[in-house]
Protein backbone atom coordinates (compact mmCIF):
# COMPACT_ATOMS: atom_id res chain seq x y z
CA UNK A 1 -6.60 -7.68 26.34
CA UNK A 2 -6.14 -5.16 23.07
CA UNK A 3 -5.81 -1.23 23.81
CA UNK A 4 -5.54 -0.97 19.76
CA UNK A 5 -8.64 -1.01 17.82
CA UNK A 6 -8.16 -2.60 14.56
CA UNK A 7 -10.14 -0.95 11.46
CA UNK A 8 -9.45 -3.45 8.88
CA UNK A 9 -7.25 -3.75 6.02
CA UNK A 10 -6.00 -0.56 5.13
CA UNK A 11 -3.95 -1.66 1.65
CA UNK A 12 -2.10 -4.89 0.37
CA UNK A 13 0.94 -4.00 -1.28
CA UNK A 14 1.82 -5.70 -4.60
CA UNK A 15 4.34 -5.42 -6.90
CA UNK A 16 4.32 -4.66 -10.64
CA UNK A 17 7.11 -4.13 -13.67
CA UNK A 18 4.18 -2.00 -15.55
CA UNK A 19 1.96 0.31 -13.72
CA UNK A 20 0.06 1.62 -16.54
CA UNK A 21 -0.76 -1.52 -17.74
CA UNK A 22 -1.80 -2.71 -13.85
CA UNK A 23 -4.11 0.45 -13.69
CA UNK A 24 -5.64 -0.24 -17.45
CA UNK A 25 -6.69 -3.66 -15.67
CA UNK A 26 -7.63 -2.49 -12.29
CA UNK A 27 -9.31 0.52 -13.07
CA UNK A 28 -10.56 -0.07 -16.31
CA UNK A 29 -11.15 -4.04 -16.40
CA UNK A 30 -12.16 -4.90 -12.61
CA UNK A 31 -13.69 -1.32 -12.18
CA UNK A 32 -11.74 -0.32 -9.06
CA UNK A 33 -11.80 3.51 -8.46
CA UNK A 34 -7.89 4.94 -8.72
CA UNK A 35 -7.84 6.66 -5.50
CA UNK A 36 -4.17 7.78 -5.00
CA UNK A 37 -0.63 8.07 -6.58
CA UNK A 38 2.41 8.78 -5.85
CA UNK A 39 6.10 8.74 -6.60
CA UNK A 40 8.86 10.19 -9.07
CA UNK A 41 10.43 12.32 -6.46
CA UNK A 42 13.86 13.14 -5.79
CA UNK A 43 13.53 12.28 -1.88
CA UNK A 44 11.39 9.84 -0.52
CA UNK A 45 9.49 8.12 -2.87
CA UNK A 46 11.80 7.80 -6.25
CA UNK A 47 9.23 4.77 -7.28
CA UNK A 48 5.70 4.99 -8.31
CA UNK A 49 3.39 3.96 -5.51
CA UNK A 50 -0.43 3.60 -6.55
CA UNK A 51 -3.50 2.72 -4.64
CA UNK A 52 -6.80 1.53 -6.12
CA UNK A 53 -9.94 1.49 -3.94
CA UNK A 54 -11.57 -1.90 -2.56
CA UNK A 55 -14.28 -0.21 -0.75
CA UNK A 56 -14.44 0.99 2.87
CA UNK A 57 -11.10 2.77 3.32
CA UNK A 58 -9.42 -0.24 1.96
CA UNK A 59 -6.86 -0.25 -0.86
CA UNK A 60 -4.77 -2.41 -3.12
CA UNK A 61 -1.75 -0.68 -3.87
CA UNK A 62 1.10 -1.63 -6.56
CA UNK A 63 4.98 -0.71 -6.07
CA UNK A 64 6.16 -0.57 -9.81
CA UNK A 65 9.72 -1.79 -10.34
CA UNK A 66 10.44 -1.83 -13.72
CA UNK A 67 13.11 -4.55 -13.26
CA UNK A 68 10.93 -7.01 -11.42
CA UNK A 69 10.43 -10.50 -13.01
CA UNK A 70 6.75 -11.17 -12.45
CA UNK A 71 5.66 -14.89 -12.66
CA UNK A 72 3.79 -16.78 -14.53
CA UNK A 73 -0.02 -17.72 -13.99
CA UNK A 74 -0.24 -19.76 -11.20
CA UNK A 75 -3.07 -21.19 -9.36
CA UNK A 76 -3.58 -20.28 -5.58
CA UNK A 77 -1.68 -23.05 -3.29
CA UNK A 78 0.53 -23.90 -5.71
CA UNK A 79 4.29 -22.40 -4.64
CA UNK A 80 6.18 -19.43 -5.99
CA UNK A 81 9.78 -18.16 -5.88
CA UNK A 82 8.86 -15.02 -7.57
CA UNK A 83 8.04 -11.62 -5.72
CA UNK A 84 4.46 -10.71 -6.00
CA UNK A 85 3.67 -9.54 -2.51
CA UNK A 86 5.45 -6.38 -0.74
CA UNK A 87 3.69 -6.25 2.37
CA UNK A 88 0.14 -5.67 4.50
CA UNK A 89 -1.04 -2.83 6.15
CA UNK A 90 -3.54 -3.05 8.80
CA UNK A 91 -5.50 -0.31 9.52
CA UNK A 92 -5.78 1.42 13.14
CA UNK A 93 -8.19 3.83 14.59
CA UNK A 94 -6.28 6.54 15.75
CA UNK A 95 -2.72 7.93 16.41
CA UNK A 96 -2.78 6.88 19.84
CA UNK A 97 -3.53 3.32 18.42
CA UNK A 98 -0.78 3.59 16.08
CA UNK A 99 1.66 4.49 19.18
CA UNK A 100 0.16 1.48 21.40
CA UNK A 101 0.69 -0.86 18.70
CA UNK A 102 4.33 0.41 18.11
CA UNK A 103 4.96 0.28 22.15
CA UNK A 104 3.71 -3.16 21.96
CA UNK A 105 5.83 -4.18 19.16
CA UNK A 106 8.95 -2.86 20.71
CA UNK A 107 8.32 -4.21 24.20
CA UNK A 108 7.96 -7.52 22.56
CA UNK A 109 11.95 -7.10 20.95
CA UNK A 110 10.49 -6.77 17.46
CA UNK A 111 12.57 -4.13 15.44
CA UNK A 112 9.75 -1.79 14.59
CA UNK A 113 10.27 1.42 12.84
CA UNK A 114 9.81 4.91 13.93
CA UNK A 115 6.49 6.73 12.81
CA UNK A 116 6.56 7.26 9.44
CA UNK A 117 4.33 10.28 7.73
CA UNK A 118 3.50 9.51 4.36
CA UNK A 119 1.05 12.10 3.94
CA UNK A 120 -1.80 10.13 3.16
CA UNK A 121 -1.36 7.37 6.04
CA UNK A 122 1.19 7.33 9.19
CA UNK A 123 2.72 4.29 9.81
CA UNK A 124 4.93 1.60 11.90
CA UNK A 125 6.59 -1.08 10.18
CA UNK A 126 7.76 -4.43 11.53
CA UNK A 127 8.43 -8.17 10.37
CA UNK A 128 6.45 -10.54 11.73
CA UNK A 129 8.11 -14.07 12.86
CA UNK A 130 7.78 -15.28 9.02
CA UNK A 131 9.51 -12.56 7.36
CA UNK A 132 6.32 -11.18 6.09
CA UNK A 133 6.41 -7.29 6.24
CA UNK A 134 3.73 -5.62 8.15
CA UNK A 135 2.69 -1.95 8.32
CA UNK A 136 -0.09 -0.92 10.81
CA UNK A 137 -1.77 2.62 9.44
CA UNK A 138 -3.87 5.63 10.68
CA UNK A 139 -5.29 7.13 7.43
CA UNK A 140 -4.77 10.70 7.42
CA UNK A 141 -7.76 10.73 4.91
CA UNK A 142 -10.27 8.86 3.09
CA UNK A 143 -9.17 8.13 -0.53
CA UNK A 144 -12.67 7.02 -1.44
CA UNK A 145 -13.75 10.63 -0.61
CA UNK A 146 -10.85 12.52 -1.06
CA UNK A 147 -8.58 10.71 -3.43
CA UNK A 148 -4.92 12.06 -3.37
CA UNK A 149 -2.71 12.23 -6.86
CA UNK A 150 1.08 13.08 -6.33
CA UNK A 151 2.88 11.29 -8.85
CA UNK A 152 4.92 13.72 -10.38
CA UNK A 153 5.27 11.95 -13.72
CA UNK A 154 1.88 9.50 -13.69
CA UNK A 155 1.48 6.71 -16.29
CA UNK A 156 -0.48 7.45 -19.26
CA UNK A 157 -3.32 5.24 -18.27
CA UNK A 158 -3.86 8.35 -15.46
CA UNK A 159 -3.17 10.83 -17.75
CA UNK A 160 -5.20 9.91 -20.26
CA UNK A 161 -8.25 9.53 -17.75
CA UNK A 162 -8.06 12.89 -16.37
CA UNK A 163 -8.05 14.14 -19.80
CA UNK A 164 -11.53 12.65 -20.16
């Protein structure tokens, strides 16, 4: 049935109000390599968006929104009313797969974006019937092999690490 080759999770996008603290936890405490940064650009990305590798081409990514109120600690399965999740990005194998999934979504009457070229991925965006933001992405590069650092004003955790 499928004319699209899915290749797993591209990235899971979460929200932080303190990117420096987030990088120090995920990179320095958990040991996840920081493989991509972007943001602080006048056009396109006025906010930070950082990617930490969870292996096999997948990342956990964070948007930094300083005004976001973070929820208190909670156990799994307990409802939360505060934002922690932004979107999930599902990887596809090729640009043809990306075009096919975009066509399939459009034909189903789903509001789907045009292809957006972010430099490190090309993506289309939609929303599922539950209101969950979904992205389908084809990678332009392997961030584990070729990290990409493009934040115009990186947090201290990044600049201190580069100095080492």
